Amino acid sequence: MKILKPLLARKGVKKDLDKKNFIFEPKMDGVRAILVKNKNRIKLLIRGQKNIMSRFPELLNISKFIDAKTCVLDGEIVVYNKQGLSDYKLLEKRTWPEKMLP
């Protein structure tokens, strides 16, 4: 099986905006991951190929919203705070709860 790695953000320069077909997105304060769908099975992989799907139970039924039988999606997982801003501290509690202090 081929190892899939999430794309990592890199800082651009203003000149990049002049390039034809240049695509950019705002930097979100989250975790980059790859969602792999194979029929109705879903994996959510972070760097190191760790499957963190169990940390996001609300995504367990996401396959019904993806028409393709198999696909690979690369994106950023973010958690928003009450002010509507991405909040890495809230995400960290979901992604790595074993790091939480008692």
N, C-alpha and C. Protein backbone atom coordinates (compact mmCIF):
# COMPACT_ATOMS: atom_id res chain seq x y z
N MET A 1 0.84 -1.18 0.00
CA MET A 1 0.00 0.00 0.00
C MET A 1 0.88 1.25 0.00
N LYS A 2 0.55 2.21 -0.82
CA LYS A 2 1.32 3.45 -0.91
C LYS A 2 1.05 4.31 0.32
N ILE A 3 2.10 4.90 0.87
CA ILE A 3 1.96 5.80 2.02
C ILE A 3 1.52 7.16 1.52
N LEU A 4 0.45 7.66 2.08
CA LEU A 4 -0.08 8.97 1.72
C LEU A 4 0.33 9.98 2.77
N LYS A 5 0.84 11.12 2.33
CA LYS A 5 1.26 12.16 3.25
C LYS A 5 0.45 13.42 2.99
N PRO A 6 -0.05 14.05 4.05
CA PRO A 6 -0.79 15.31 3.87
C PRO A 6 0.12 16.39 3.30
N LEU A 7 -0.46 17.25 2.48
CA LEU A 7 0.28 18.41 1.98
C LEU A 7 0.52 19.36 3.14
N LEU A 8 1.67 19.96 3.15
CA LEU A 8 1.99 20.91 4.22
C LEU A 8 1.98 22.32 3.65
N ALA A 9 1.53 23.24 4.46
CA ALA A 9 1.47 24.64 4.03
C ALA A 9 2.88 25.20 3.90
N ARG A 10 3.01 26.14 2.98
CA ARG A 10 4.26 26.87 2.87
C ARG A 10 3.92 28.33 2.69
N LYS A 11 4.79 29.16 3.17
CA LYS A 11 4.56 30.59 3.08
C LYS A 11 4.82 31.05 1.64
N GLY A 12 3.87 31.76 1.11
CA GLY A 12 4.01 32.29 -0.23
C GLY A 12 4.59 33.70 -0.21
N VAL A 13 4.76 34.22 -1.39
CA VAL A 13 5.19 35.60 -1.55
C VAL A 13 4.17 36.33 -2.41
N LYS A 14 4.13 37.64 -2.33
CA LYS A 14 3.13 38.42 -3.05
C LYS A 14 3.15 38.12 -4.55
N LYS A 15 4.33 37.86 -5.10
CA LYS A 15 4.49 37.58 -6.54
C LYS A 15 3.70 36.32 -6.96
N ASP A 16 3.49 35.39 -6.01
CA ASP A 16 2.73 34.18 -6.31
C ASP A 16 1.33 34.51 -6.82
N LEU A 17 0.75 35.60 -6.33
CA LEU A 17 -0.62 35.97 -6.70
C LEU A 17 -0.74 36.35 -8.17
N ASP A 18 0.38 36.66 -8.83
CA ASP A 18 0.37 37.00 -10.25
C ASP A 18 0.39 35.77 -11.15
N LYS A 19 0.65 34.60 -10.59
CA LYS A 19 0.74 33.37 -11.37
C LYS A 19 -0.64 32.93 -11.83
N LYS A 20 -0.73 32.50 -13.09
CA LYS A 20 -1.98 32.00 -13.64
C LYS A 20 -2.32 30.67 -12.94
N ASN A 21 -3.58 30.51 -12.59
CA ASN A 21 -4.07 29.29 -11.94
C ASN A 21 -3.47 29.05 -10.55
N PHE A 22 -2.94 30.09 -9.92
CA PHE A 22 -2.41 29.94 -8.57
C PHE A 22 -3.58 29.81 -7.59
N ILE A 23 -3.53 28.81 -6.73
CA ILE A 23 -4.59 28.57 -5.75
C ILE A 23 -4.00 28.70 -4.36
N PHE A 24 -4.70 29.38 -3.49
CA PHE A 24 -4.24 29.50 -2.11
C PHE A 24 -5.43 29.43 -1.18
N GLU A 25 -5.13 29.19 0.07
CA GLU A 25 -6.17 29.18 1.09
C GLU A 25 -5.60 29.82 2.34
N PRO A 26 -6.46 30.39 3.18
CA PRO A 26 -5.94 30.97 4.42
C PRO A 26 -5.39 29.88 5.33
N LYS A 27 -4.39 30.20 6.10
CA LYS A 27 -3.81 29.25 7.05
C LYS A 27 -4.75 29.10 8.23
N MET A 28 -5.18 27.89 8.47
CA MET A 28 -6.04 27.59 9.61
C MET A 28 -5.17 26.97 10.69
N ASP A 29 -5.54 27.18 11.93
CA ASP A 29 -4.79 26.65 13.05
C ASP A 29 -5.36 25.28 13.40
N GLY A 30 -4.91 24.25 12.66
CA GLY A 30 -5.46 22.92 12.85
C GLY A 30 -4.42 21.84 12.59
N VAL A 31 -4.92 20.67 12.21
CA VAL A 31 -4.07 19.51 11.92
C VAL A 31 -4.36 19.06 10.49
N ARG A 32 -3.31 18.94 9.70
CA ARG A 32 -3.46 18.48 8.32
C ARG A 32 -3.69 16.97 8.34
N ALA A 33 -4.65 16.50 7.56
CA ALA A 33 -4.97 15.08 7.54
C ALA A 33 -5.43 14.65 6.15
N ILE A 34 -5.41 13.36 5.95
CA ILE A 34 -5.92 12.77 4.72
C ILE A 34 -7.08 11.86 5.07
N LEU A 35 -8.20 12.06 4.40
CA LEU A 35 -9.35 11.17 4.55
C LEU A 35 -9.30 10.19 3.39
N VAL A 36 -9.30 8.90 3.70
CA VAL A 36 -9.27 7.86 2.68
C VAL A 36 -10.59 7.11 2.74
N LYS A 37 -11.31 7.10 1.61
CA LYS A 37 -12.57 6.37 1.53
C LYS A 37 -12.39 5.19 0.59
N ASN A 38 -12.74 4.00 1.07
CA ASN A 38 -12.74 2.79 0.26
C ASN A 38 -14.07 2.10 0.51
N LYS A 39 -14.98 2.26 -0.45
CA LYS A 39 -16.38 1.85 -0.31
C LYS A 39 -16.97 2.61 0.87
N ASN A 40 -17.41 1.95 1.93
CA ASN A 40 -17.98 2.68 3.07
C ASN A 40 -17.02 2.76 4.25
N ARG A 41 -15.77 2.35 4.04
CA ARG A 41 -14.77 2.44 5.10
C ARG A 41 -14.02 3.76 4.99
N ILE A 42 -13.85 4.42 6.12
CA ILE A 42 -13.19 5.72 6.16
C ILE A 42 -12.01 5.67 7.13
N LYS A 43 -10.88 6.24 6.71
CA LYS A 43 -9.73 6.44 7.58
C LYS A 43 -9.41 7.92 7.56
N LEU A 44 -8.96 8.43 8.68
CA LEU A 44 -8.54 9.81 8.79
C LEU A 44 -7.09 9.77 9.29
N LEU A 45 -6.15 9.98 8.36
CA LEU A 45 -4.74 9.78 8.66
C LEU A 45 -3.99 11.10 8.83
N ILE A 46 -3.17 11.15 9.88
CA ILE A 46 -2.27 12.29 10.07
C ILE A 46 -0.86 11.80 9.74
N ARG A 47 0.10 12.72 9.80
CA ARG A 47 1.49 12.32 9.53
C ARG A 47 1.85 11.14 10.41
N GLY A 48 2.64 10.23 9.89
CA GLY A 48 2.98 9.02 10.61
C GLY A 48 1.95 7.92 10.38
N GLN A 49 0.96 8.19 9.53
CA GLN A 49 -0.09 7.24 9.16
C GLN A 49 -0.98 6.82 10.32
N LYS A 50 -1.04 7.61 11.39
CA LYS A 50 -1.90 7.31 12.52
C LYS A 50 -3.35 7.63 12.14
N ASN A 51 -4.24 6.66 12.34
CA ASN A 51 -5.66 6.85 12.05
C ASN A 51 -6.33 7.46 13.28
N ILE A 52 -6.85 8.68 13.12
CA ILE A 52 -7.49 9.39 14.25
C ILE A 52 -9.00 9.48 14.07
N MET A 53 -9.57 8.61 13.26
CA MET A 53 -11.01 8.65 13.01
C MET A 53 -11.82 8.54 14.30
N SER A 54 -11.36 7.74 15.23
CA SER A 54 -12.11 7.55 16.49
C SER A 54 -12.20 8.85 17.30
N ARG A 55 -11.32 9.80 17.03
CA ARG A 55 -11.35 11.07 17.76
C ARG A 55 -12.41 12.03 17.24
N PHE A 56 -12.98 11.70 16.07
CA PHE A 56 -13.97 12.57 15.44
C PHE A 56 -15.21 11.74 15.04
N PRO A 57 -15.98 11.26 16.02
CA PRO A 57 -17.12 10.38 15.73
C PRO A 57 -18.17 11.03 14.83
N GLU A 58 -18.24 12.36 14.81
CA GLU A 58 -19.22 13.02 13.95
C GLU A 58 -18.90 12.83 12.46
N LEU A 59 -17.70 12.34 12.14
CA LEU A 59 -17.33 12.09 10.75
C LEU A 59 -17.55 10.64 10.31
N LEU A 60 -18.02 9.79 11.21
CA LEU A 60 -18.18 8.37 10.88
C LEU A 60 -19.13 8.13 9.71
N ASN A 61 -20.12 8.97 9.53
CA ASN A 61 -21.08 8.80 8.44
C ASN A 61 -20.79 9.70 7.25
N ILE A 62 -19.60 10.24 7.17
CA ILE A 62 -19.27 11.17 6.09
C ILE A 62 -19.30 10.50 4.72
N SER A 63 -19.09 9.19 4.66
CA SER A 63 -19.05 8.50 3.37
C SER A 63 -20.34 8.66 2.58
N LYS A 64 -21.47 8.84 3.25
CA LYS A 64 -22.73 9.01 2.52
C LYS A 64 -22.80 10.36 1.80
N PHE A 65 -21.92 11.29 2.13
CA PHE A 65 -21.88 12.59 1.46
C PHE A 65 -20.84 12.64 0.34
N ILE A 66 -20.10 11.55 0.15
CA ILE A 66 -19.06 11.47 -0.89
C ILE A 66 -19.53 10.47 -1.93
N ASP A 67 -19.79 10.93 -3.15
CA ASP A 67 -20.32 10.07 -4.21
C ASP A 67 -19.34 8.99 -4.67
N ALA A 68 -18.06 9.30 -4.68
CA ALA A 68 -17.07 8.34 -5.17
C ALA A 68 -16.99 7.12 -4.26
N LYS A 69 -16.80 5.95 -4.86
CA LYS A 69 -16.65 4.74 -4.05
C LYS A 69 -15.30 4.73 -3.34
N THR A 70 -14.29 5.25 -4.02
CA THR A 70 -12.97 5.38 -3.41
C THR A 70 -12.44 6.78 -3.71
N CYS A 71 -11.78 7.37 -2.73
CA CYS A 71 -11.18 8.68 -2.95
C CYS A 71 -10.22 9.00 -1.82
N VAL A 72 -9.39 10.00 -2.06
CA VAL A 72 -8.46 10.51 -1.07
C VAL A 72 -8.66 12.01 -1.03
N LEU A 73 -8.95 12.55 0.17
CA LEU A 73 -9.14 13.99 0.36
C LEU A 73 -8.09 14.49 1.33
N ASP A 74 -7.47 15.61 0.99
CA ASP A 74 -6.44 16.20 1.84
C ASP A 74 -6.99 17.52 2.37
N GLY A 75 -6.92 17.73 3.67
CA GLY A 75 -7.47 18.96 4.23
C GLY A 75 -7.01 19.22 5.65
N GLU A 76 -7.54 20.28 6.20
CA GLU A 76 -7.18 20.72 7.54
C GLU A 76 -8.36 20.44 8.48
N ILE A 77 -8.09 19.81 9.61
CA ILE A 77 -9.10 19.60 10.63
C ILE A 77 -8.99 20.77 11.60
N VAL A 78 -10.10 21.47 11.79
CA VAL A 78 -10.09 22.62 12.71
C VAL A 78 -11.28 22.52 13.65
N VAL A 79 -11.12 23.11 14.82
CA VAL A 79 -12.20 23.25 15.79
C VAL A 79 -12.35 24.74 16.05
N TYR A 80 -13.58 25.21 15.96
CA TYR A 80 -13.84 26.64 16.17
C TYR A 80 -14.28 26.90 17.61
N ASN A 81 -13.84 28.02 18.14
CA ASN A 81 -14.26 28.41 19.48
C ASN A 81 -15.57 29.20 19.39
N LYS A 82 -16.06 29.70 20.51
CA LYS A 82 -17.33 30.42 20.54
C LYS A 82 -17.30 31.71 19.74
N GLN A 83 -16.11 32.24 19.50
CA GLN A 83 -15.98 33.46 18.71
C GLN A 83 -15.88 33.17 17.20
N GLY A 84 -15.92 31.89 16.83
CA GLY A 84 -15.85 31.51 15.42
C GLY A 84 -14.44 31.45 14.85
N LEU A 85 -13.43 31.40 15.73
CA LEU A 85 -12.05 31.34 15.29
C LEU A 85 -11.50 29.93 15.49
N SER A 86 -10.60 29.50 14.59
CA SER A 86 -10.00 28.18 14.79
C SER A 86 -9.16 28.23 16.07
N ASP A 87 -9.31 27.18 16.88
CA ASP A 87 -8.68 27.15 18.20
C ASP A 87 -7.93 25.84 18.37
N TYR A 88 -6.60 25.92 18.26
CA TYR A 88 -5.79 24.71 18.31
C TYR A 88 -5.86 24.02 19.67
N LYS A 89 -6.03 24.77 20.74
CA LYS A 89 -6.13 24.17 22.08
C LYS A 89 -7.35 23.25 22.17
N LEU A 90 -8.47 23.68 21.60
CA LEU A 90 -9.67 22.83 21.59
C LEU A 90 -9.45 21.59 20.72
N LEU A 91 -8.79 21.77 19.60
CA LEU A 91 -8.50 20.64 18.70
C LEU A 91 -7.56 19.65 19.37
N GLU A 92 -6.58 20.15 20.08
CA GLU A 92 -5.61 19.29 20.74
C GLU A 92 -6.29 18.34 21.73
N LYS A 93 -7.33 18.82 22.40
CA LYS A 93 -8.07 17.96 23.33
C LYS A 93 -8.74 16.81 22.60
N ARG A 94 -9.13 17.05 21.33
CA ARG A 94 -9.78 16.01 20.54
C ARG A 94 -8.77 15.06 19.90
N THR A 95 -7.66 15.62 19.45
CA THR A 95 -6.71 14.83 18.68
C THR A 95 -5.77 14.02 19.55
N TRP A 96 -5.31 14.63 20.65
CA TRP A 96 -4.37 13.96 21.53
C TRP A 96 -4.85 14.06 22.98
N PRO A 97 -5.98 13.45 23.35
CA PRO A 97 -6.50 13.57 24.71
C PRO A 97 -5.56 12.98 25.76
N GLU A 98 -4.69 12.06 25.37
CA GLU A 98 -3.77 11.47 26.35
C GLU A 98 -2.77 12.50 26.86
N LYS A 99 -2.62 13.63 26.17
CA LYS A 99 -1.71 14.69 26.62
C LYS A 99 -2.38 15.62 27.65
N MET A 100 -3.68 15.45 27.81
CA MET A 100 -4.40 16.34 28.75
C MET A 100 -3.98 16.03 30.18
N LEU A 101 -3.87 17.06 30.96
CA LEU A 101 -3.53 16.88 32.38
C LEU A 101 -4.79 16.54 33.16
N PRO A 102 -4.67 15.76 34.26
CA PRO A 102 -5.85 15.41 35.06
C PRO A 102 -6.49 16.61 35.69
